[in-house]
Each structure stands twice: as C-alpha cells, then as structure tokens.
Amino acid sequence: MRHHLFPIGLSVRLKNRANISPRAAESYQITAKLPLRDNSPQYRMRNDELGQERVSNEDNLEPIDELTSDN
C-alpha cells in the first residue's frame, strides 16, 4: 500500500496539463490528503489567487522548488 509523499501546504504543479483549460492555474497548494484511488494517493489542492480547486493523483504532481522563485 502506498503512502502520501507530499505534505499539506506544499506548492505543486501538474505534470500533465492535457485536457485542462489554458486559463487554469499553473501552481496549487495542497490542502488535503484524500484516500487512495486504485492504489494511488490523491490530493485536494487550491490556487487562492484564481480561486481554483482540483483533485489530482500523486503521479501527476511535482513539487515547486520555492528557492528558485526567490532568486
């Protein structure tokens, strides 16, 4: 059984943006860990700036390196 790797509060972006509106947010913050679906961890995430929420599986998320945005 797999476990969630990402903590609540982590900033992430979607690896695969196919079939998503071009106006969809680029980055999200994880707000909740959801039950596994087909043995894959799921997350609820939100972009407060655009007021968008979505659910994605862990395999489609990548953490955003906060250090590179500060330089």
N, C-alpha and C. Protein backbone atom coordinates (compact mmCIF):
# COMPACT_ATOMS: atom_id res chain seq x y z
N MET A 1 0.84 -1.19 0.00
CA MET A 1 0.00 0.00 0.00
C MET A 1 0.88 1.25 0.00
N ARG A 2 0.59 2.16 -0.90
CA ARG A 2 1.37 3.39 -1.00
C ARG A 2 0.90 4.41 0.03
N HIS A 3 1.81 5.29 0.37
CA HIS A 3 1.50 6.37 1.32
C HIS A 3 1.68 7.71 0.62
N HIS A 4 1.03 8.73 1.12
CA HIS A 4 1.16 10.08 0.58
C HIS A 4 2.59 10.58 0.82
N LEU A 5 3.22 11.10 -0.22
CA LEU A 5 4.58 11.63 -0.11
C LEU A 5 4.59 13.14 0.17
N PHE A 6 3.57 13.85 -0.29
CA PHE A 6 3.57 15.31 -0.20
C PHE A 6 2.80 15.77 1.03
N PRO A 7 3.34 16.74 1.78
CA PRO A 7 2.65 17.27 2.96
C PRO A 7 1.62 18.34 2.58
N ILE A 8 0.65 18.54 3.45
CA ILE A 8 -0.30 19.64 3.29
C ILE A 8 0.48 20.95 3.36
N GLY A 9 0.15 21.87 2.46
CA GLY A 9 0.84 23.16 2.41
C GLY A 9 1.89 23.24 1.32
N LEU A 10 2.29 22.10 0.76
CA LEU A 10 3.32 22.09 -0.29
C LEU A 10 2.78 22.70 -1.57
N SER A 11 3.58 23.52 -2.24
CA SER A 11 3.22 24.07 -3.55
C SER A 11 3.62 23.08 -4.62
N VAL A 12 2.67 22.82 -5.53
CA VAL A 12 2.89 21.84 -6.59
C VAL A 12 2.37 22.38 -7.92
N ARG A 13 2.76 21.70 -8.99
CA ARG A 13 2.18 21.98 -10.30
C ARG A 13 1.86 20.64 -10.95
N LEU A 14 0.98 20.67 -11.92
CA LEU A 14 0.57 19.47 -12.63
C LEU A 14 1.61 19.11 -13.67
N LYS A 15 1.97 17.85 -13.76
CA LYS A 15 2.91 17.39 -14.79
C LYS A 15 2.22 17.34 -16.14
N ASN A 16 0.99 16.83 -16.15
CA ASN A 16 0.24 16.68 -17.39
C ASN A 16 -0.93 17.64 -17.39
N ARG A 17 -0.93 18.58 -18.32
CA ARG A 17 -2.00 19.57 -18.38
C ARG A 17 -2.92 19.33 -19.57
N ALA A 18 -2.85 18.13 -20.15
CA ALA A 18 -3.73 17.79 -21.27
C ALA A 18 -5.18 17.86 -20.80
N ASN A 19 -6.04 18.36 -21.67
CA ASN A 19 -7.47 18.47 -21.40
C ASN A 19 -7.80 19.43 -20.25
N ILE A 20 -6.92 20.38 -19.98
CA ILE A 20 -7.16 21.40 -18.96
C ILE A 20 -7.18 22.76 -19.66
N SER A 21 -8.09 23.61 -19.25
CA SER A 21 -8.21 24.94 -19.83
C SER A 21 -6.89 25.69 -19.73
N PRO A 22 -6.52 26.45 -20.76
CA PRO A 22 -5.31 27.27 -20.68
C PRO A 22 -5.39 28.33 -19.58
N ARG A 23 -6.61 28.64 -19.12
CA ARG A 23 -6.78 29.63 -18.04
C ARG A 23 -6.65 29.00 -16.66
N ALA A 24 -6.43 27.69 -16.61
CA ALA A 24 -6.27 27.02 -15.32
C ALA A 24 -4.98 27.49 -14.66
N ALA A 25 -4.98 27.49 -13.35
CA ALA A 25 -3.81 27.94 -12.59
C ALA A 25 -2.59 27.08 -12.92
N GLU A 26 -1.42 27.69 -12.79
CA GLU A 26 -0.15 26.99 -13.02
C GLU A 26 0.32 26.27 -11.76
N SER A 27 0.03 26.83 -10.60
CA SER A 27 0.50 26.23 -9.35
C SER A 27 -0.64 26.16 -8.34
N TYR A 28 -0.50 25.20 -7.45
CA TYR A 28 -1.52 24.95 -6.43
C TYR A 28 -0.83 24.66 -5.11
N GLN A 29 -1.57 24.77 -4.03
CA GLN A 29 -1.08 24.39 -2.71
C GLN A 29 -1.95 23.24 -2.22
N ILE A 30 -1.31 22.19 -1.75
CA ILE A 30 -2.05 21.03 -1.26
C ILE A 30 -2.79 21.43 0.01
N THR A 31 -4.11 21.14 0.02
CA THR A 31 -4.94 21.49 1.17
C THR A 31 -5.42 20.26 1.93
N ALA A 32 -5.39 19.08 1.31
CA ALA A 32 -5.84 17.87 1.99
C ALA A 32 -5.30 16.63 1.30
N LYS A 33 -5.08 15.60 2.10
CA LYS A 33 -4.75 14.28 1.58
C LYS A 33 -6.04 13.49 1.51
N LEU A 34 -6.30 12.88 0.37
CA LEU A 34 -7.53 12.13 0.18
C LEU A 34 -7.21 10.63 0.15
N PRO A 35 -8.23 9.79 0.29
CA PRO A 35 -7.99 8.35 0.25
C PRO A 35 -7.38 7.91 -1.09
N LEU A 36 -6.67 6.80 -1.04
CA LEU A 36 -6.08 6.25 -2.24
C LEU A 36 -7.18 5.83 -3.22
N ARG A 37 -6.88 5.98 -4.49
CA ARG A 37 -7.78 5.52 -5.55
C ARG A 37 -6.95 4.67 -6.49
N ASP A 38 -7.32 3.43 -6.66
CA ASP A 38 -6.54 2.49 -7.47
C ASP A 38 -5.10 2.44 -6.99
N ASN A 39 -4.92 2.44 -5.68
CA ASN A 39 -3.62 2.38 -5.00
C ASN A 39 -2.74 3.60 -5.29
N SER A 40 -3.34 4.70 -5.65
CA SER A 40 -2.60 5.94 -5.92
C SER A 40 -3.07 7.03 -4.96
N PRO A 41 -2.16 7.66 -4.22
CA PRO A 41 -2.54 8.76 -3.32
C PRO A 41 -3.18 9.92 -4.08
N GLN A 42 -4.21 10.48 -3.50
CA GLN A 42 -4.92 11.61 -4.10
C GLN A 42 -4.78 12.83 -3.20
N TYR A 43 -4.83 14.01 -3.80
CA TYR A 43 -4.70 15.27 -3.05
C TYR A 43 -5.75 16.27 -3.53
N ARG A 44 -6.26 17.07 -2.58
CA ARG A 44 -7.06 18.24 -2.94
C ARG A 44 -6.10 19.42 -2.87
N MET A 45 -6.20 20.30 -3.84
CA MET A 45 -5.31 21.46 -3.88
C MET A 45 -6.06 22.68 -4.36
N ARG A 46 -5.49 23.84 -4.05
CA ARG A 46 -6.17 25.11 -4.34
C ARG A 46 -5.16 26.16 -4.77
N ASN A 47 -5.62 27.01 -5.70
CA ASN A 47 -4.89 28.21 -6.07
C ASN A 47 -5.74 29.37 -5.59
N ASP A 48 -5.31 30.03 -4.51
CA ASP A 48 -6.10 31.11 -3.91
C ASP A 48 -6.22 32.32 -4.82
N GLU A 49 -5.19 32.59 -5.59
CA GLU A 49 -5.19 33.78 -6.46
C GLU A 49 -6.34 33.72 -7.47
N LEU A 50 -6.55 32.55 -8.06
CA LEU A 50 -7.61 32.40 -9.06
C LEU A 50 -8.87 31.74 -8.49
N GLY A 51 -8.79 31.30 -7.24
CA GLY A 51 -9.94 30.65 -6.62
C GLY A 51 -10.27 29.30 -7.23
N GLN A 52 -9.26 28.61 -7.73
CA GLN A 52 -9.47 27.31 -8.37
C GLN A 52 -9.07 26.18 -7.43
N GLU A 53 -9.88 25.13 -7.44
CA GLU A 53 -9.57 23.92 -6.68
C GLU A 53 -9.61 22.74 -7.63
N ARG A 54 -8.83 21.72 -7.30
CA ARG A 54 -8.88 20.49 -8.07
C ARG A 54 -8.36 19.34 -7.24
N VAL A 55 -8.59 18.15 -7.74
CA VAL A 55 -8.09 16.92 -7.13
C VAL A 55 -7.20 16.25 -8.16
N SER A 56 -6.08 15.72 -7.72
CA SER A 56 -5.17 15.03 -8.63
C SER A 56 -4.49 13.89 -7.89
N ASN A 57 -4.03 12.91 -8.66
CA ASN A 57 -3.26 11.84 -8.04
C ASN A 57 -1.79 12.26 -7.94
N GLU A 58 -1.08 11.60 -7.06
CA GLU A 58 0.30 11.96 -6.77
C GLU A 58 1.22 11.86 -7.99
N ASP A 59 0.95 10.89 -8.85
CA ASP A 59 1.80 10.69 -10.03
C ASP A 59 1.75 11.86 -11.01
N ASN A 60 0.71 12.69 -10.93
CA ASN A 60 0.58 13.82 -11.83
C ASN A 60 1.03 15.14 -11.20
N LEU A 61 1.66 15.08 -10.02
CA LEU A 61 2.10 16.30 -9.34
C LEU A 61 3.62 16.34 -9.21
N GLU A 62 4.16 17.54 -9.27
CA GLU A 62 5.58 17.74 -8.96
C GLU A 62 5.70 18.95 -8.05
N PRO A 63 6.56 18.83 -7.03
CA PRO A 63 6.75 19.97 -6.11
C PRO A 63 7.40 21.13 -6.84
N ILE A 64 7.06 22.32 -6.42
CA ILE A 64 7.69 23.53 -6.97
C ILE A 64 8.84 23.91 -6.04
N ASP A 65 9.99 24.09 -6.61
CA ASP A 65 11.17 24.48 -5.82
C ASP A 65 11.04 25.94 -5.44
N GLU A 66 10.64 26.20 -4.22
CA GLU A 66 10.42 27.57 -3.74
C GLU A 66 11.70 28.40 -3.79
N LEU A 67 12.86 27.77 -3.66
CA LEU A 67 14.12 28.51 -3.63
C LEU A 67 14.41 29.19 -4.96
N THR A 68 14.03 28.57 -6.08
CA THR A 68 14.35 29.18 -7.37
C THR A 68 13.50 30.40 -7.64
N SER A 69 12.32 30.51 -7.03
CA SER A 69 11.48 31.67 -7.28
C SER A 69 11.95 32.89 -6.48
N ASP A 70 12.79 32.69 -5.46
CA ASP A 70 13.26 33.80 -4.65
C ASP A 70 14.53 34.45 -5.20
N ASN A 71 15.18 33.81 -6.13
CA ASN A 71 16.45 34.34 -6.68
C ASN A 71 16.23 35.30 -7.80
